[in-house]
Amino acid sequence: MTTRIAEPPRSKHALIAAALSTDIQAGKYKIGDLLPSEAELAISHGVSRHTVRIALQSLHHLGLVVSHQGVGTKVHKNRLTSRYQHSFNSVADLLQYASSTKPKLIDSEEFKVTAAQAEQFGCKPGERWWRMRTLRFPPSGTTPLAYSEIHIPLALSAVIADAVKGKQPVFALIEKRFHLTPIEVRQDIAATSLTREEAELLGVPRNGPGLEIIRRYIGKGERVLEVARSVHPGKSFKYSMHVQLQNSG
């Protein structure tokens, strides 16, 4: 049985980012101009500075602005770039990605785990799990950044109602509701060819190149709390990871 749910309302920081993006592209703020300060934007939009800061980070991701310490946030471009860059250095970066992009629910359903899925999910074939499929968009754009499939054990499916609102990632909701903390994230990144459905949803040619990211969120006792698979169009997504090396000498 498939449950279809209306698209969730946009968050405050997404609305602010969209408004600033529109102003920049309309010429209200020209290349080289400084945007109002965080404090000024917070007052004019009736939100906290933290909310404004997240909105400005979204504009950074879109390539529209740059920031200089002691100077402020300056308009860098007046047109959206086609590439979305995401850095993953910690779980905090996953939280940031969820908060700086806009989700749209495709469908949500209960399913029976196959033998092939059982090996990936770390469970037994025949177990009942829940799957949610979404598209993610930049805060002010209409071109999808990613197609995602999120899988969780049926016992944890109570978080789905909150997950479709898009305010927090599923693993954070599981921790909040069930006190099950992921202690490890195992990630696989691979090149892939987009299926017909994935290509149609992402608005790109069928069988085109894509980037597939599979993350497994592991709790105590090797319990798998979530398995998330995301597919990004190969030409519109750059993935960055910074590794700090320690000198053993």
C-alpha atoms as a PDB file:
ATOM      1  CA  MET A   1       0.000   0.000   0.000  1.00  0.00           C
ATOM      2  CA  THR A   2       1.392   3.399  -0.992  1.00  0.00           C
ATOM      3  CA  THR A   3       0.724   6.523   1.067  1.00  0.00           C
ATOM      4  CA  ARG A   4       0.994   9.850  -0.743  1.00  0.00           C
ATOM      5  CA  ILE A   5       1.360  12.959   1.372  1.00  0.00           C
ATOM      6  CA  ALA A   6       1.177  16.596   0.345  1.00  0.00           C
ATOM      7  CA  GLU A   7       4.436  18.515  -0.032  1.00  0.00           C
ATOM      8  CA  PRO A   8       5.482  19.982   3.354  1.00  0.00           C
ATOM      9  CA  PRO A   9       5.627  23.737   3.893  1.00  0.00           C
ATOM     10  CA  ARG A  10       8.982  25.429   3.386  1.00  0.00           C
ATOM     11  CA  SER A  11      11.086  26.386   6.404  1.00  0.00           C
ATOM     12  CA  LYS A  12      11.774  29.992   7.377  1.00  0.00           C
ATOM     13  CA  HIS A  13      15.402  29.895   6.296  1.00  0.00           C
ATOM     14  CA  ALA A  14      14.406  28.412   2.916  1.00  0.00           C
ATOM     15  CA  LEU A  15      11.906  31.238   2.395  1.00  0.00           C
ATOM     16  CA  ILE A  16      14.533  33.850   3.286  1.00  0.00           C
ATOM     17  CA  ALA A  17      17.085  32.233   0.975  1.00  0.00           C
ATOM     18  CA  ALA A  18      14.513  32.175  -1.834  1.00  0.00           C
ATOM     19  CA  ALA A  19      13.644  35.856  -1.288  1.00  0.00           C
ATOM     20  CA  LEU A  20      17.303  36.927  -1.295  1.00  0.00           C
ATOM     21  CA  SER A  21      18.023  34.788  -4.350  1.00  0.00           C
ATOM     22  CA  THR A  22      15.126  36.442  -6.186  1.00  0.00           C
ATOM     23  CA  ASP A  23      16.360  39.912  -5.183  1.00  0.00           C
ATOM     24  CA  ILE A  24      19.874  39.124  -6.403  1.00  0.00           C
ATOM     25  CA  GLN A  25      18.704  37.716  -9.736  1.00  0.00           C
ATOM     26  CA  ALA A  26      16.308  40.654 -10.203  1.00  0.00           C
ATOM     27  CA  GLY A  27      19.149  43.152  -9.727  1.00  0.00           C
ATOM     28  CA  LYS A  28      18.169  44.600  -6.365  1.00  0.00           C
ATOM     29  CA  TYR A  29      21.618  43.540  -5.167  1.00  0.00           C
ATOM     30  CA  LYS A  30      24.253  43.728  -7.900  1.00  0.00           C
ATOM     31  CA  ILE A  31      27.512  41.799  -8.190  1.00  0.00           C
ATOM     32  CA  GLY A  32      29.924  43.259  -5.659  1.00  0.00           C
ATOM     33  CA  ASP A  33      27.161  44.683  -3.436  1.00  0.00           C
ATOM     34  CA  LEU A  34      27.028  43.775   0.234  1.00  0.00           C
ATOM     35  CA  LEU A  35      23.861  42.174   1.526  1.00  0.00           C
ATOM     36  CA  PRO A  36      22.327  43.569   4.711  1.00  0.00           C
ATOM     37  CA  SER A  37      23.983  42.259   7.867  1.00  0.00           C
ATOM     38  CA  GLU A  38      22.715  39.151   9.659  1.00  0.00           C
ATOM     39  CA  ALA A  39      21.256  41.387  12.366  1.00  0.00           C
ATOM     40  CA  GLU A  40      19.453  43.576   9.829  1.00  0.00           C
ATOM     41  CA  LEU A  41      18.067  40.572   7.947  1.00  0.00           C
ATOM     42  CA  ALA A  42      16.942  38.980  11.206  1.00  0.00           C
ATOM     43  CA  ILE A  43      14.985  42.101  12.137  1.00  0.00           C
ATOM     44  CA  SER A  44      13.462  42.632   8.668  1.00  0.00           C
ATOM     45  CA  HIS A  45      12.327  38.998   8.412  1.00  0.00           C
ATOM     46  CA  GLY A  46      11.363  38.591  12.069  1.00  0.00           C
ATOM     47  CA  VAL A  47      13.627  35.576  12.684  1.00  0.00           C
ATOM     48  CA  SER A  48      16.759  34.718  14.647  1.00  0.00           C
ATOM     49  CA  ARG A  49      20.277  35.359  13.372  1.00  0.00           C
ATOM     50  CA  HIS A  50      20.806  31.600  13.336  1.00  0.00           C
ATOM     51  CA  THR A  51      17.961  31.235  10.822  1.00  0.00           C
ATOM     52  CA  VAL A  52      19.474  33.994   8.675  1.00  0.00           C
ATOM     53  CA  ARG A  53      22.883  32.309   8.862  1.00  0.00           C
ATOM     54  CA  ILE A  54      21.455  29.054   7.484  1.00  0.00           C
ATOM     55  CA  ALA A  55      19.718  30.975   4.689  1.00  0.00           C
ATOM     56  CA  LEU A  56      23.000  32.659   3.743  1.00  0.00           C
ATOM     57  CA  GLN A  57      24.762  29.287   3.753  1.00  0.00           C
ATOM     58  CA  SER A  58      22.231  28.129   1.174  1.00  0.00           C
ATOM     59  CA  LEU A  59      23.147  31.097  -1.043  1.00  0.00           C
ATOM     60  CA  HIS A  60      26.810  30.133  -0.621  1.00  0.00           C
ATOM     61  CA  HIS A  61      26.022  26.610  -1.839  1.00  0.00           C
ATOM     62  CA  LEU A  62      24.241  28.088  -4.858  1.00  0.00           C
ATOM     63  CA  GLY A  63      27.288  30.194  -5.715  1.00  0.00           C
ATOM     64  CA  LEU A  64      25.440  33.509  -5.423  1.00  0.00           C
ATOM     65  CA  VAL A  65      27.394  35.042  -2.530  1.00  0.00           C
ATOM     66  CA  VAL A  66      30.763  34.956  -0.779  1.00  0.00           C
ATOM     67  CA  SER A  67      31.628  36.067   2.739  1.00  0.00           C
ATOM     68  CA  HIS A  68      34.665  37.886   4.032  1.00  0.00           C
ATOM     69  CA  GLN A  69      35.401  38.135   7.728  1.00  0.00           C
ATOM     70  CA  GLY A  70      35.023  41.689   8.938  1.00  0.00           C
ATOM     71  CA  VAL A  71      33.414  42.763   5.664  1.00  0.00           C
ATOM     72  CA  GLY A  72      30.144  40.856   5.283  1.00  0.00           C
ATOM     73  CA  THR A  73      28.350  38.834   2.628  1.00  0.00           C
ATOM     74  CA  LYS A  74      28.946  40.046  -0.907  1.00  0.00           C
ATOM     75  CA  VAL A  75      27.060  39.154  -4.099  1.00  0.00           C
ATOM     76  CA  HIS A  76      29.326  36.988  -6.241  1.00  0.00           C
ATOM     77  CA  LYS A  77      26.976  36.001  -9.085  1.00  0.00           C
ATOM     78  CA  ASN A  78      23.492  37.026 -10.195  1.00  0.00           C
ATOM     79  CA  ARG A  79      22.584  33.737 -11.845  1.00  0.00           C
ATOM     80  CA  LEU A  80      22.249  30.302 -10.298  1.00  0.00           C
ATOM     81  CA  THR A  81      25.034  27.891 -11.098  1.00  0.00           C
ATOM     82  CA  SER A  82      24.102  24.420 -12.335  1.00  0.00           C
ATOM     83  CA  ARG A  83      26.434  22.673  -9.881  1.00  0.00           C
ATOM     84  CA  TYR A  84      25.577  21.985  -6.258  1.00  0.00           C
ATOM     85  CA  GLN A  85      28.505  21.365  -3.935  1.00  0.00           C
ATOM     86  CA  HIS A  86      28.148  19.499  -0.672  1.00  0.00           C
ATOM     87  CA  SER A  87      30.887  18.860   1.871  1.00  0.00           C
ATOM     88  CA  PHE A  88      30.696  15.949   4.300  1.00  0.00           C
ATOM     89  CA  ASN A  89      33.143  16.140   7.183  1.00  0.00           C
ATOM     90  CA  SER A  90      30.842  15.155  10.065  1.00  0.00           C
ATOM     91  CA  VAL A  91      27.289  14.268  11.030  1.00  0.00           C
ATOM     92  CA  ALA A  92      26.731  18.013  11.457  1.00  0.00           C
ATOM     93  CA  ASP A  93      27.245  18.394   7.707  1.00  0.00           C
ATOM     94  CA  LEU A  94      24.461  15.875   7.070  1.00  0.00           C
ATOM     95  CA  LEU A  95      22.197  17.942   9.303  1.00  0.00           C
ATOM     96  CA  GLN A  96      23.199  21.062   7.367  1.00  0.00           C
ATOM     97  CA  TYR A  97      22.452  19.386   4.022  1.00  0.00           C
ATOM     98  CA  ALA A  98      18.969  18.435   5.229  1.00  0.00           C
ATOM     99  CA  SER A  99      18.256  21.948   6.502  1.00  0.00           C
ATOM    100  CA  SER A 100      19.626  23.766   3.440  1.00  0.00           C
ATOM    101  CA  THR A 101      17.700  21.786   0.806  1.00  0.00           C
ATOM    102  CA  LYS A 102      13.973  21.454   0.172  1.00  0.00           C
ATOM    103  CA  PRO A 103      12.389  17.954   0.105  1.00  0.00           C
ATOM    104  CA  LYS A 104       9.411  16.809  -1.940  1.00  0.00           C
ATOM    105  CA  LEU A 105       7.813  13.490  -1.041  1.00  0.00           C
ATOM    106  CA  ILE A 106       7.185  11.061  -3.901  1.00  0.00           C
ATOM    107  CA  ASP A 107       5.666   8.221  -1.880  1.00  0.00           C
ATOM    108  CA  SER A 108       5.967   6.262   1.347  1.00  0.00           C
ATOM    109  CA  GLU A 109       5.206   2.567   1.836  1.00  0.00           C
ATOM    110  CA  GLU A 110       5.727  -0.591   3.860  1.00  0.00           C
ATOM    111  CA  PHE A 111       7.587  -3.404   2.091  1.00  0.00           C
ATOM    112  CA  LYS A 112       9.040  -6.863   2.641  1.00  0.00           C
ATOM    113  CA  VAL A 113      12.832  -7.098   2.557  1.00  0.00           C
ATOM    114  CA  THR A 114      14.234  -9.292  -0.231  1.00  0.00           C
ATOM    115  CA  ALA A 115      17.284 -11.528   0.119  1.00  0.00           C
ATOM    116  CA  ALA A 116      19.445  -8.994  -1.753  1.00  0.00           C
ATOM    117  CA  GLN A 117      18.205  -6.127   0.414  1.00  0.00           C
ATOM    118  CA  ALA A 118      18.701  -8.137   3.619  1.00  0.00           C
ATOM    119  CA  GLU A 119      22.440  -8.311   3.025  1.00  0.00           C
ATOM    120  CA  GLN A 120      22.593  -4.544   2.538  1.00  0.00           C
ATOM    121  CA  PHE A 121      20.238  -3.715   5.406  1.00  0.00           C
ATOM    122  CA  GLY A 122      21.834  -6.099   7.899  1.00  0.00           C
ATOM    123  CA  CYS A 123      18.558  -7.905   8.614  1.00  0.00           C
ATOM    124  CA  LYS A 124      16.730 -11.115   7.707  1.00  0.00           C
ATOM    125  CA  PRO A 125      14.835 -11.650   4.422  1.00  0.00           C
ATOM    126  CA  GLY A 126      11.101 -11.223   4.882  1.00  0.00           C
ATOM    127  CA  GLU A 127      11.350  -8.554   7.573  1.00  0.00           C
ATOM    128  CA  ARG A 128       8.951  -5.622   7.241  1.00  0.00           C
ATOM    129  CA  TRP A 129      10.577  -2.241   6.650  1.00  0.00           C
ATOM    130  CA  TRP A 130       9.371   1.189   5.579  1.00  0.00           C
ATOM    131  CA  ARG A 131      10.549   3.103   2.517  1.00  0.00           C
ATOM    132  CA  MET A 132      10.186   6.819   1.781  1.00  0.00           C
ATOM    133  CA  ARG A 133      11.149   8.265  -1.629  1.00  0.00           C
ATOM    134  CA  THR A 134      11.892  11.956  -2.055  1.00  0.00           C
ATOM    135  CA  LEU A 135      13.384  14.560  -4.349  1.00  0.00           C
ATOM    136  CA  ARG A 136      15.562  17.323  -2.927  1.00  0.00           C
ATOM    137  CA  PHE A 137      15.743  20.826  -4.354  1.00  0.00           C
ATOM    138  CA  PRO A 138      17.900  23.897  -3.685  1.00  0.00           C
ATOM    139  CA  PRO A 139      16.032  26.435  -1.529  1.00  0.00           C
ATOM    140  CA  SER A 140      15.163  28.698  -4.468  1.00  0.00           C
ATOM    141  CA  GLY A 141      15.451  26.415  -7.498  1.00  0.00           C
ATOM    142  CA  THR A 142      13.148  24.076  -9.417  1.00  0.00           C
ATOM    143  CA  THR A 143      15.755  21.602 -10.687  1.00  0.00           C
ATOM    144  CA  PRO A 144      16.114  18.550  -8.392  1.00  0.00           C
ATOM    145  CA  LEU A 145      19.482  17.975  -6.744  1.00  0.00           C
ATOM    146  CA  ALA A 146      18.884  14.361  -5.805  1.00  0.00           C
ATOM    147  CA  TYR A 147      16.514  11.420  -5.808  1.00  0.00           C
ATOM    148  CA  SER A 148      16.533   9.560  -2.482  1.00  0.00           C
ATOM    149  CA  GLU A 149      15.230   6.302  -1.042  1.00  0.00           C
ATOM    150  CA  ILE A 150      15.196   6.098   2.759  1.00  0.00           C
ATOM    151  CA  HIS A 151      14.689   2.687   4.396  1.00  0.00           C
ATOM    152  CA  ILE A 152      14.058   2.075   8.104  1.00  0.00           C
ATOM    153  CA  PRO A 153      12.818  -0.905  10.168  1.00  0.00           C
ATOM    154  CA  LEU A 154       9.037  -0.943  10.518  1.00  0.00           C
ATOM    155  CA  ALA A 155       9.381  -0.602  14.308  1.00  0.00           C
ATOM    156  CA  LEU A 156      10.850   2.877  13.745  1.00  0.00           C
ATOM    157  CA  SER A 157       8.339   4.047  11.138  1.00  0.00           C
ATOM    158  CA  ALA A 158       6.593   6.426  13.556  1.00  0.00           C
ATOM    159  CA  VAL A 159       9.188   9.046  12.567  1.00  0.00           C
ATOM    160  CA  ILE A 160       7.955   9.157   8.957  1.00  0.00           C
ATOM    161  CA  ALA A 161       5.204  11.689   9.706  1.00  0.00           C
ATOM    162  CA  ASP A 162       7.853  14.130  10.974  1.00  0.00           C
ATOM    163  CA  ALA A 163      10.374  13.174   8.298  1.00  0.00           C
ATOM    164  CA  VAL A 164       8.124  14.297   5.435  1.00  0.00           C
ATOM    165  CA  LYS A 165       8.098  17.800   6.915  1.00  0.00           C
ATOM    166  CA  GLY A 166      11.753  17.978   5.935  1.00  0.00           C
ATOM    167  CA  LYS A 167      13.018  19.834   8.993  1.00  0.00           C
ATOM    168  CA  GLN A 168      15.382  17.104  10.224  1.00  0.00           C
ATOM    169  CA  PRO A 169      17.000  14.019   8.675  1.00  0.00           C
ATOM    170  CA  VAL A 170      15.519  10.643   9.567  1.00  0.00           C
ATOM    171  CA  PHE A 171      18.473   9.478  11.697  1.00  0.00           C
ATOM    172  CA  ALA A 172      18.100  12.575  13.910  1.00  0.00           C
ATOM    173  CA  LEU A 173      14.368  11.931  14.332  1.00  0.00           C
ATOM    174  CA  ILE A 174      15.042   8.295  15.277  1.00  0.00           C
ATOM    175  CA  GLU A 175      17.493   9.446  17.925  1.00  0.00           C
ATOM    176  CA  LYS A 176      15.034  12.010  19.295  1.00  0.00           C
ATOM    177  CA  ARG A 177      11.995   9.705  19.402  1.00  0.00           C
ATOM    178  CA  PHE A 178      13.518   6.314  20.244  1.00  0.00           C
ATOM    179  CA  HIS A 179      16.806   7.360  21.906  1.00  0.00           C
ATOM    180  CA  LEU A 180      18.725   5.238  19.419  1.00  0.00           C
ATOM    181  CA  THR A 181      21.896   7.080  18.571  1.00  0.00           C
ATOM    182  CA  PRO A 182      23.844   6.249  15.401  1.00  0.00           C
ATOM    183  CA  ILE A 183      27.460   5.680  16.412  1.00  0.00           C
ATOM    184  CA  GLU A 184      28.763   5.119  12.900  1.00  0.00           C
ATOM    185  CA  VAL A 185      27.887   6.130   9.346  1.00  0.00           C
ATOM    186  CA  ARG A 186      29.139   3.757   6.660  1.00  0.00           C
ATOM    187  CA  GLN A 187      29.151   5.370   3.252  1.00  0.00           C
ATOM    188  CA  ASP A 188      29.665   4.017  -0.266  1.00  0.00           C
ATOM    189  CA  ILE A 189      29.986   6.300  -3.297  1.00  0.00           C
ATOM    190  CA  ALA A 190      29.864   4.930  -6.832  1.00  0.00           C
ATOM    191  CA  ALA A 191      29.291   6.019 -10.403  1.00  0.00           C
ATOM    192  CA  THR A 192      26.003   4.769 -11.844  1.00  0.00           C
ATOM    193  CA  SER A 193      23.736   5.017 -14.874  1.00  0.00           C
ATOM    194  CA  LEU A 194      20.370   6.596 -14.169  1.00  0.00           C
ATOM    195  CA  THR A 195      17.296   4.427 -14.674  1.00  0.00           C
ATOM    196  CA  ARG A 196      14.388   5.696 -16.753  1.00  0.00           C
ATOM    197  CA  GLU A 197      12.396   6.627 -13.646  1.00  0.00           C
ATOM    198  CA  GLU A 198      15.348   8.323 -11.940  1.00  0.00           C
ATOM    199  CA  ALA A 199      16.159  10.295 -15.082  1.00  0.00           C
ATOM    200  CA  GLU A 200      12.543  11.415 -15.487  1.00  0.00           C
ATOM    201  CA  LEU A 201      12.312  12.509 -11.848  1.00  0.00           C
ATOM    202  CA  LEU A 202      15.609  14.401 -12.047  1.00  0.00           C
ATOM    203  CA  GLY A 203      14.822  15.899 -15.454  1.00  0.00           C
ATOM    204  CA  VAL A 204      17.916  14.524 -17.211  1.00  0.00           C
ATOM    205  CA  PRO A 205      18.467  12.062 -20.108  1.00  0.00           C
ATOM    206  CA  ARG A 206      17.909   8.358 -19.450  1.00  0.00           C
ATOM    207  CA  ASN A 207      21.037   6.236 -18.873  1.00  0.00           C
ATOM    208  CA  GLY A 208      23.028   9.390 -18.221  1.00  0.00           C
ATOM    209  CA  PRO A 209      25.825   9.396 -15.617  1.00  0.00           C
ATOM    210  CA  GLY A 210      24.932   9.696 -11.965  1.00  0.00           C
ATOM    211  CA  LEU A 211      26.540   9.628  -8.551  1.00  0.00           C
ATOM    212  CA  GLU A 212      25.097   7.092  -6.125  1.00  0.00           C
ATOM    213  CA  ILE A 213      25.638   7.530  -2.390  1.00  0.00           C
ATOM    214  CA  ILE A 214      24.520   4.838   0.056  1.00  0.00           C
ATOM    215  CA  ARG A 215      24.717   5.594   3.770  1.00  0.00           C
ATOM    216  CA  ARG A 216      24.084   3.072   6.541  1.00  0.00           C
ATOM    217  CA  TYR A 217      23.461   4.505  10.005  1.00  0.00           C
ATOM    218  CA  ILE A 218      24.631   1.977  12.603  1.00  0.00           C
ATOM    219  CA  GLY A 219      23.650   1.968  16.264  1.00  0.00           C
ATOM    220  CA  LYS A 220      24.807  -0.079  19.228  1.00  0.00           C
ATOM    221  CA  GLY A 221      25.171  -3.807  18.675  1.00  0.00           C
ATOM    222  CA  GLU A 222      25.605  -3.270  14.923  1.00  0.00           C
ATOM    223  CA  ARG A 223      21.895  -2.475  14.641  1.00  0.00           C
ATOM    224  CA  VAL A 224      21.070  -0.782  11.338  1.00  0.00           C
ATOM    225  CA  LEU A 225      18.823   2.204  12.044  1.00  0.00           C
ATOM    226  CA  GLU A 226      18.557   3.574   8.512  1.00  0.00           C
ATOM    227  CA  VAL A 227      19.768   2.866   4.990  1.00  0.00           C
ATOM    228  CA  ALA A 228      19.613   5.870   2.670  1.00  0.00           C
ATOM    229  CA  ARG A 229      20.351   5.769  -1.055  1.00  0.00           C
ATOM    230  CA  SER A 230      20.706   9.030  -2.997  1.00  0.00           C
ATOM    231  CA  VAL A 231      21.285   9.477  -6.721  1.00  0.00           C
ATOM    232  CA  HIS A 232      22.570  12.761  -8.116  1.00  0.00           C
ATOM    233  CA  PRO A 233      22.877  13.804 -11.768  1.00  0.00           C
ATOM    234  CA  GLY A 234      26.535  13.376 -12.697  1.00  0.00           C
ATOM    235  CA  LYS A 235      26.946  16.848 -14.221  1.00  0.00           C
ATOM    236  CA  SER A 236      25.176  18.824 -11.514  1.00  0.00           C
ATOM    237  CA  PHE A 237      26.678  17.628  -8.242  1.00  0.00           C
ATOM    238  CA  LYS A 238      30.152  17.958  -6.769  1.00  0.00           C
ATOM    239  CA  TYR A 239      30.923  16.023  -3.608  1.00  0.00           C
ATOM    240  CA  SER A 240      33.745  17.228  -1.336  1.00  0.00           C
ATOM    241  CA  MET A 241      35.333  15.562   1.678  1.00  0.00           C
ATOM    242  CA  HIS A 242      38.124  16.996   3.806  1.00  0.00           C
ATOM    243  CA  VAL A 243      40.348  14.583   5.737  1.00  0.00           C
ATOM    244  CA  GLN A 244      42.586  15.903   8.501  1.00  0.00           C
ATOM    245  CA  LEU A 245      45.892  13.994   8.553  1.00  0.00           C
ATOM    246  CA  GLN A 246      47.795  13.686  11.788  1.00  0.00           C
ATOM    247  CA  ASN A 247      51.571  13.804  11.839  1.00  0.00           C
ATOM    248  CA  SER A 248      52.816  10.701  13.628  1.00  0.00           C
ATOM    249  CA  GLY A 249      56.388  12.011  13.808  1.00  0.00           C
END
